[in-house]
All heavy atoms as atom14 arrays in JSON, in Angstrom:
{
  "sequence": "MNLGTLIVGPRDHVVAIAELDDTAAAELGPLLR",
  "atom14_mask": [
    [1, 1, 1, 1, 1, 1, 1, 1, 0, 0, 0, 0, 0, 0],
    [1, 1, 1, 1, 1, 1, 1, 1, 0, 0, 0, 0, 0, 0],
    [1, 1, 1, 1, 1, 1, 1, 1, 0, 0, 0, 0, 0, 0],
    [1, 1, 1, 1, 0, 0, 0, 0, 0, 0, 0, 0, 0, 0],
    [1, 1, 1, 1, 1, 1, 1, 0, 0, 0, 0, 0, 0, 0],
    [1, 1, 1, 1, 1, 1, 1, 1, 0, 0, 0, 0, 0, 0],
    [1, 1, 1, 1, 1, 1, 1, 1, 0, 0, 0, 0, 0, 0],
    [1, 1, 1, 1, 1, 1, 1, 0, 0, 0, 0, 0, 0, 0],
    [1, 1, 1, 1, 0, 0, 0, 0, 0, 0, 0, 0, 0, 0],
    [1, 1, 1, 1, 1, 1, 1, 0, 0, 0, 0, 0, 0, 0],
    [1, 1, 1, 1, 1, 1, 1, 1, 1, 1, 1, 0, 0, 0],
    [1, 1, 1, 1, 1, 1, 1, 1, 0, 0, 0, 0, 0, 0],
    [1, 1, 1, 1, 1, 1, 1, 1, 1, 1, 0, 0, 0, 0],
    [1, 1, 1, 1, 1, 1, 1, 0, 0, 0, 0, 0, 0, 0],
    [1, 1, 1, 1, 1, 1, 1, 0, 0, 0, 0, 0, 0, 0],
    [1, 1, 1, 1, 1, 0, 0, 0, 0, 0, 0, 0, 0, 0],
    [1, 1, 1, 1, 1, 1, 1, 1, 0, 0, 0, 0, 0, 0],
    [1, 1, 1, 1, 1, 0, 0, 0, 0, 0, 0, 0, 0, 0],
    [1, 1, 1, 1, 1, 1, 1, 1, 1, 0, 0, 0, 0, 0],
    [1, 1, 1, 1, 1, 1, 1, 1, 0, 0, 0, 0, 0, 0],
    [1, 1, 1, 1, 1, 1, 1, 1, 0, 0, 0, 0, 0, 0],
    [1, 1, 1, 1, 1, 1, 1, 1, 0, 0, 0, 0, 0, 0],
    [1, 1, 1, 1, 1, 1, 1, 0, 0, 0, 0, 0, 0, 0],
    [1, 1, 1, 1, 1, 0, 0, 0, 0, 0, 0, 0, 0, 0],
    [1, 1, 1, 1, 1, 0, 0, 0, 0, 0, 0, 0, 0, 0],
    [1, 1, 1, 1, 1, 0, 0, 0, 0, 0, 0, 0, 0, 0],
    [1, 1, 1, 1, 1, 1, 1, 1, 1, 0, 0, 0, 0, 0],
    [1, 1, 1, 1, 1, 1, 1, 1, 0, 0, 0, 0, 0, 0],
    [1, 1, 1, 1, 0, 0, 0, 0, 0, 0, 0, 0, 0, 0],
    [1, 1, 1, 1, 1, 1, 1, 0, 0, 0, 0, 0, 0, 0],
    [1, 1, 1, 1, 1, 1, 1, 1, 0, 0, 0, 0, 0, 0],
    [1, 1, 1, 1, 1, 1, 1, 1, 0, 0, 0, 0, 0, 0],
    [1, 1, 1, 1, 1, 1, 1, 1, 1, 1, 1, 0, 0, 0]
  ],
  "atom14_positions": [
    [[16.29, 1.0, 8.2], [15.5, 0.17, 9.09], [16.2, -1.17, 9.3], [17.14, -1.5, 8.59], [14.11, -0.04, 8.51], [13.32, 1.24, 8.31], [12.84, 1.95, 9.88], [11.22, 2.49, 9.48], [0.0, 0.0, 0.0], [0.0, 0.0, 0.0], [0.0, 0.0, 0.0], [0.0, 0.0, 0.0], [0.0, 0.0, 0.0], [0.0, 0.0, 0.0]],
    [[15.71, -1.92, 10.21], [16.35, -3.18, 10.55], [15.97, -4.31, 9.59], [15.01, -4.2, 8.82], [16.01, -3.58, 12.0], [14.53, -3.62, 12.25], [13.82, -2.65, 12.03], [14.03, -4.75, 12.72], [0.0, 0.0, 0.0], [0.0, 0.0, 0.0], [0.0, 0.0, 0.0], [0.0, 0.0, 0.0], [0.0, 0.0, 0.0], [0.0, 0.0, 0.0]],
    [[16.77, -5.37, 9.65], [16.54, -6.54, 8.82], [15.12, -7.06, 9.05], [14.67, -7.19, 10.18], [17.54, -7.64, 9.17], [17.46, -8.91, 8.33], [17.84, -8.61, 6.88], [18.35, -9.99, 8.91], [0.0, 0.0, 0.0], [0.0, 0.0, 0.0], [0.0, 0.0, 0.0], [0.0, 0.0, 0.0], [0.0, 0.0, 0.0], [0.0, 0.0, 0.0]],
    [[14.44, -7.33, 7.95], [13.07, -7.84, 8.02], [12.02, -6.79, 7.73], [10.86, -7.13, 7.54], [0.0, 0.0, 0.0], [0.0, 0.0, 0.0], [0.0, 0.0, 0.0], [0.0, 0.0, 0.0], [0.0, 0.0, 0.0], [0.0, 0.0, 0.0], [0.0, 0.0, 0.0], [0.0, 0.0, 0.0], [0.0, 0.0, 0.0], [0.0, 0.0, 0.0]],
    [[12.41, -5.53, 7.67], [11.45, -4.48, 7.34], [11.12, -4.55, 5.86], [12.01, -4.61, 5.02], [12.03, -3.08, 7.67], [12.33, -3.04, 9.07], [11.04, -1.98, 7.32], [0.0, 0.0, 0.0], [0.0, 0.0, 0.0], [0.0, 0.0, 0.0], [0.0, 0.0, 0.0], [0.0, 0.0, 0.0], [0.0, 0.0, 0.0], [0.0, 0.0, 0.0]],
    [[9.84, -4.59, 5.57], [9.37, -4.6, 4.19], [8.55, -3.35, 3.93], [7.9, -2.83, 4.84], [8.53, -5.85, 3.91], [9.28, -7.17, 4.02], [8.31, -8.36, 3.87], [10.39, -7.25, 2.98], [0.0, 0.0, 0.0], [0.0, 0.0, 0.0], [0.0, 0.0, 0.0], [0.0, 0.0, 0.0], [0.0, 0.0, 0.0], [0.0, 0.0, 0.0]],
    [[8.59, -2.85, 2.71], [7.86, -1.65, 2.34], [6.8, -2.01, 1.3], [7.1, -2.66, 0.31], [8.8, -0.57, 1.76], [9.93, -0.23, 2.73], [8.02, 0.68, 1.34], [9.5, 0.39, 4.03], [0.0, 0.0, 0.0], [0.0, 0.0, 0.0], [0.0, 0.0, 0.0], [0.0, 0.0, 0.0], [0.0, 0.0, 0.0], [0.0, 0.0, 0.0]],
    [[5.58, -1.57, 1.55], [4.48, -1.74, 0.6], [4.18, -0.36, 0.04], [4.09, 0.62, 0.78], [3.23, -2.3, 1.32], [2.02, -2.29, 0.4], [3.5, -3.71, 1.83], [0.0, 0.0, 0.0], [0.0, 0.0, 0.0], [0.0, 0.0, 0.0], [0.0, 0.0, 0.0], [0.0, 0.0, 0.0], [0.0, 0.0, 0.0], [0.0, 0.0, 0.0]],
    [[4.04, -0.29, -1.27], [3.7, 0.98, -1.91], [2.88, 0.74, -3.15], [3.02, -0.29, -3.8], [0.0, 0.0, 0.0], [0.0, 0.0, 0.0], [0.0, 0.0, 0.0], [0.0, 0.0, 0.0], [0.0, 0.0, 0.0], [0.0, 0.0, 0.0], [0.0, 0.0, 0.0], [0.0, 0.0, 0.0], [0.0, 0.0, 0.0], [0.0, 0.0, 0.0]],
    [[2.01, 1.67, -3.48], [1.21, 1.52, -4.69], [2.07, 1.64, -5.94], [3.08, 2.33, -5.95], [0.2, 2.66, -4.6], [0.83, 3.66, -3.71], [1.73, 2.92, -2.77], [0.0, 0.0, 0.0], [0.0, 0.0, 0.0], [0.0, 0.0, 0.0], [0.0, 0.0, 0.0], [0.0, 0.0, 0.0], [0.0, 0.0, 0.0], [0.0, 0.0, 0.0]],
    [[1.64, 0.95, -7.0], [2.36, 1.04, -8.27], [2.2, 2.42, -8.88], [3.12, 2.97, -9.45], [1.83, -0.01, -9.23], [2.24, -1.41, -8.87], [1.8, -2.4, -9.93], [2.22, -3.73, -9.55], [1.38, -4.74, -9.37], [0.09, -4.57, -9.56], [1.83, -5.91, -9.02], [0.0, 0.0, 0.0], [0.0, 0.0, 0.0], [0.0, 0.0, 0.0]],
    [[0.99, 2.96, -8.78], [0.72, 4.3, -9.3], [1.2, 5.34, -8.31], [1.32, 5.07, -7.11], [-0.78, 4.49, -9.56], [-1.31, 3.55, -10.63], [-0.54, 3.21, -11.55], [-2.48, 3.16, -10.53], [0.0, 0.0, 0.0], [0.0, 0.0, 0.0], [0.0, 0.0, 0.0], [0.0, 0.0, 0.0], [0.0, 0.0, 0.0], [0.0, 0.0, 0.0]],
    [[1.45, 6.55, -8.8], [1.87, 7.63, -7.91], [0.69, 8.07, -7.06], [-0.29, 8.62, -7.56], [2.42, 8.82, -8.7], [2.84, 9.93, -7.81], [3.9, 9.81, -6.94], [2.32, 11.16, -7.62], [4.02, 10.94, -6.26], [3.08, 11.77, -6.66], [0.0, 0.0, 0.0], [0.0, 0.0, 0.0], [0.0, 0.0, 0.0], [0.0, 0.0, 0.0]],
    [[0.79, 7.79, -5.77], [-0.23, 8.15, -4.79], [0.51, 8.69, -3.58], [1.53, 8.13, -3.17], [-1.08, 6.92, -4.39], [-2.05, 7.23, -3.29], [-1.8, 6.35, -5.6], [0.0, 0.0, 0.0], [0.0, 0.0, 0.0], [0.0, 0.0, 0.0], [0.0, 0.0, 0.0], [0.0, 0.0, 0.0], [0.0, 0.0, 0.0], [0.0, 0.0, 0.0]],
    [[0.01, 9.76, -2.99], [0.7, 10.33, -1.83], [-0.07, 10.14, -0.52], [0.44, 10.49, 0.54], [1.03, 11.83, -2.05], [1.97, 12.01, -3.22], [-0.22, 12.65, -2.2], [0.0, 0.0, 0.0], [0.0, 0.0, 0.0], [0.0, 0.0, 0.0], [0.0, 0.0, 0.0], [0.0, 0.0, 0.0], [0.0, 0.0, 0.0], [0.0, 0.0, 0.0]],
    [[-1.29, 9.6, -0.59], [-2.1, 9.42, 0.61], [-3.05, 8.25, 0.43], [-3.5, 7.97, -0.69], [-2.89, 10.69, 0.91], [0.0, 0.0, 0.0], [0.0, 0.0, 0.0], [0.0, 0.0, 0.0], [0.0, 0.0, 0.0], [0.0, 0.0, 0.0], [0.0, 0.0, 0.0], [0.0, 0.0, 0.0], [0.0, 0.0, 0.0], [0.0, 0.0, 0.0]],
    [[-3.37, 7.58, 1.5], [-4.33, 6.48, 1.43], [-5.66, 6.98, 0.9], [-6.35, 6.28, 0.15], [-4.47, 5.82, 2.82], [-3.19, 5.03, 3.12], [-5.69, 4.91, 2.88], [-3.13, 4.39, 4.47], [0.0, 0.0, 0.0], [0.0, 0.0, 0.0], [0.0, 0.0, 0.0], [0.0, 0.0, 0.0], [0.0, 0.0, 0.0], [0.0, 0.0, 0.0]],
    [[-6.02, 8.2, 1.22], [-7.29, 8.78, 0.75], [-7.36, 8.86, -0.77], [-8.45, 8.96, -1.33], [-7.49, 10.16, 1.36], [0.0, 0.0, 0.0], [0.0, 0.0, 0.0], [0.0, 0.0, 0.0], [0.0, 0.0, 0.0], [0.0, 0.0, 0.0], [0.0, 0.0, 0.0], [0.0, 0.0, 0.0], [0.0, 0.0, 0.0], [0.0, 0.0, 0.0]],
    [[-6.22, 8.8, -1.45], [-6.19, 8.88, -2.91], [-6.3, 7.53, -3.6], [-6.38, 7.47, -4.82], [-4.9, 9.56, -3.37], [-4.81, 11.01, -3.02], [-3.54, 11.65, -3.56], [-2.72, 10.97, -4.21], [-3.37, 12.85, -3.34], [0.0, 0.0, 0.0], [0.0, 0.0, 0.0], [0.0, 0.0, 0.0], [0.0, 0.0, 0.0], [0.0, 0.0, 0.0]],
    [[-6.28, 6.44, -2.85], [-6.35, 5.12, -3.47], [-7.69, 4.93, -4.16], [-8.75, 5.3, -3.63], [-6.17, 4.02, -2.42], [-4.82, 3.94, -1.74], [-4.85, 2.92, -0.61], [-3.72, 3.62, -2.74], [0.0, 0.0, 0.0], [0.0, 0.0, 0.0], [0.0, 0.0, 0.0], [0.0, 0.0, 0.0], [0.0, 0.0, 0.0], [0.0, 0.0, 0.0]],
    [[-7.66, 4.31, -5.35], [-8.93, 3.99, -6.0], [-9.51, 2.75, -5.31], [-8.87, 2.14, -4.44], [-8.75, 3.79, -7.51], [-7.87, 2.62, -7.89], [-7.76, 1.65, -7.12], [-7.27, 2.67, -8.98], [0.0, 0.0, 0.0], [0.0, 0.0, 0.0], [0.0, 0.0, 0.0], [0.0, 0.0, 0.0], [0.0, 0.0, 0.0], [0.0, 0.0, 0.0]],
    [[-10.73, 2.38, -5.67], [-11.42, 1.27, -5.0], [-10.66, -0.04, -5.1], [-10.58, -0.8, -4.14], [-12.84, 1.1, -5.55], [-13.76, 2.25, -5.16], [-13.41, 3.02, -4.24], [-14.84, 2.37, -5.77], [0.0, 0.0, 0.0], [0.0, 0.0, 0.0], [0.0, 0.0, 0.0], [0.0, 0.0, 0.0], [0.0, 0.0, 0.0], [0.0, 0.0, 0.0]],
    [[-10.08, -0.31, -6.27], [-9.34, -1.56, -6.45], [-8.11, -1.6, -5.55], [-7.87, -2.59, -4.85], [-8.92, -1.72, -7.93], [-10.1, -1.72, -8.73], [-8.14, -2.99, -8.14], [0.0, 0.0, 0.0], [0.0, 0.0, 0.0], [0.0, 0.0, 0.0], [0.0, 0.0, 0.0], [0.0, 0.0, 0.0], [0.0, 0.0, 0.0], [0.0, 0.0, 0.0]],
    [[-7.34, -0.53, -5.54], [-6.13, -0.48, -4.71], [-6.5, -0.56, -3.22], [-5.82, -1.24, -2.45], [-5.34, 0.79, -4.99], [0.0, 0.0, 0.0], [0.0, 0.0, 0.0], [0.0, 0.0, 0.0], [0.0, 0.0, 0.0], [0.0, 0.0, 0.0], [0.0, 0.0, 0.0], [0.0, 0.0, 0.0], [0.0, 0.0, 0.0], [0.0, 0.0, 0.0]],
    [[-7.55, 0.12, -2.83], [-7.98, 0.09, -1.43], [-8.39, -1.33, -1.02], [-8.06, -1.79, 0.08], [-9.13, 1.07, -1.2], [0.0, 0.0, 0.0], [0.0, 0.0, 0.0], [0.0, 0.0, 0.0], [0.0, 0.0, 0.0], [0.0, 0.0, 0.0], [0.0, 0.0, 0.0], [0.0, 0.0, 0.0], [0.0, 0.0, 0.0], [0.0, 0.0, 0.0]],
    [[-9.1, -2.03, -1.91], [-9.53, -3.4, -1.61], [-8.34, -4.36, -1.52], [-8.37, -5.32, -0.76], [-10.51, -3.88, -2.67], [0.0, 0.0, 0.0], [0.0, 0.0, 0.0], [0.0, 0.0, 0.0], [0.0, 0.0, 0.0], [0.0, 0.0, 0.0], [0.0, 0.0, 0.0], [0.0, 0.0, 0.0], [0.0, 0.0, 0.0], [0.0, 0.0, 0.0]],
    [[-7.29, -4.1, -2.27], [-6.1, -4.95, -2.26], [-5.2, -4.66, -1.06], [-4.43, -5.54, -0.64], [-5.3, -4.74, -3.54], [-5.99, -5.25, -4.78], [-5.28, -4.88, -6.07], [-4.32, -4.07, -6.02], [-5.68, -5.4, -7.13], [0.0, 0.0, 0.0], [0.0, 0.0, 0.0], [0.0, 0.0, 0.0], [0.0, 0.0, 0.0], [0.0, 0.0, 0.0]],
    [[-5.26, -3.45, -0.53], [-4.32, -3.03, 0.5], [-4.42, -3.85, 1.79], [-3.41, -4.3, 2.33], [-4.48, -1.54, 0.81], [-3.49, -0.96, 1.82], [-2.05, -1.13, 1.34], [-3.81, 0.51, 2.08], [0.0, 0.0, 0.0], [0.0, 0.0, 0.0], [0.0, 0.0, 0.0], [0.0, 0.0, 0.0], [0.0, 0.0, 0.0], [0.0, 0.0, 0.0]],
    [[-5.63, -4.05, 2.29], [-5.79, -4.78, 3.56], [-5.18, -6.17, 3.52], [-4.33, -6.51, 4.36], [0.0, 0.0, 0.0], [0.0, 0.0, 0.0], [0.0, 0.0, 0.0], [0.0, 0.0, 0.0], [0.0, 0.0, 0.0], [0.0, 0.0, 0.0], [0.0, 0.0, 0.0], [0.0, 0.0, 0.0], [0.0, 0.0, 0.0], [0.0, 0.0, 0.0]],
    [[-5.59, -7.01, 2.56], [-4.99, -8.34, 2.48], [-3.47, -8.31, 2.26], [-2.74, -9.15, 2.8], [-5.71, -9.0, 1.31], [-7.03, -8.29, 1.25], [-6.73, -6.87, 1.64], [0.0, 0.0, 0.0], [0.0, 0.0, 0.0], [0.0, 0.0, 0.0], [0.0, 0.0, 0.0], [0.0, 0.0, 0.0], [0.0, 0.0, 0.0], [0.0, 0.0, 0.0]],
    [[-3.0, -7.36, 1.47], [-1.56, -7.26, 1.22], [-0.8, -6.91, 2.51], [0.24, -7.5, 2.81], [-1.26, -6.22, 0.14], [0.22, -5.99, -0.18], [0.89, -7.29, -0.63], [0.36, -4.91, -1.23], [0.0, 0.0, 0.0], [0.0, 0.0, 0.0], [0.0, 0.0, 0.0], [0.0, 0.0, 0.0], [0.0, 0.0, 0.0], [0.0, 0.0, 0.0]],
    [[-1.32, -5.97, 3.28], [-0.67, -5.63, 4.55], [-0.71, -6.81, 5.52], [0.29, -7.09, 6.19], [-1.34, -4.4, 5.18], [-1.11, -3.08, 4.45], [-1.92, -1.97, 5.13], [0.36, -2.73, 4.39], [0.0, 0.0, 0.0], [0.0, 0.0, 0.0], [0.0, 0.0, 0.0], [0.0, 0.0, 0.0], [0.0, 0.0, 0.0], [0.0, 0.0, 0.0]],
    [[-1.86, -7.5, 5.57], [-1.96, -8.68, 6.44], [-0.93, -9.73, 6.04], [-0.2, -10.25, 6.89], [-3.37, -9.27, 6.36], [-3.54, -10.53, 7.21], [-4.71, -11.38, 6.77], [-4.55, -11.74, 5.36], [-5.57, -11.88, 4.53], [-6.81, -11.69, 4.94], [-5.35, -12.23, 3.27], [0.0, 0.0, 0.0], [0.0, 0.0, 0.0], [0.0, 0.0, 0.0]]
  ]
}
């Protein structure tokens, strides 16, 4: 990817957003923003 692309990923092994626990899901929105 081009310069400036950043990757966000969960610390735990997760393969889908549907698998995120409540804490990770609550953290994801602000982190992406």
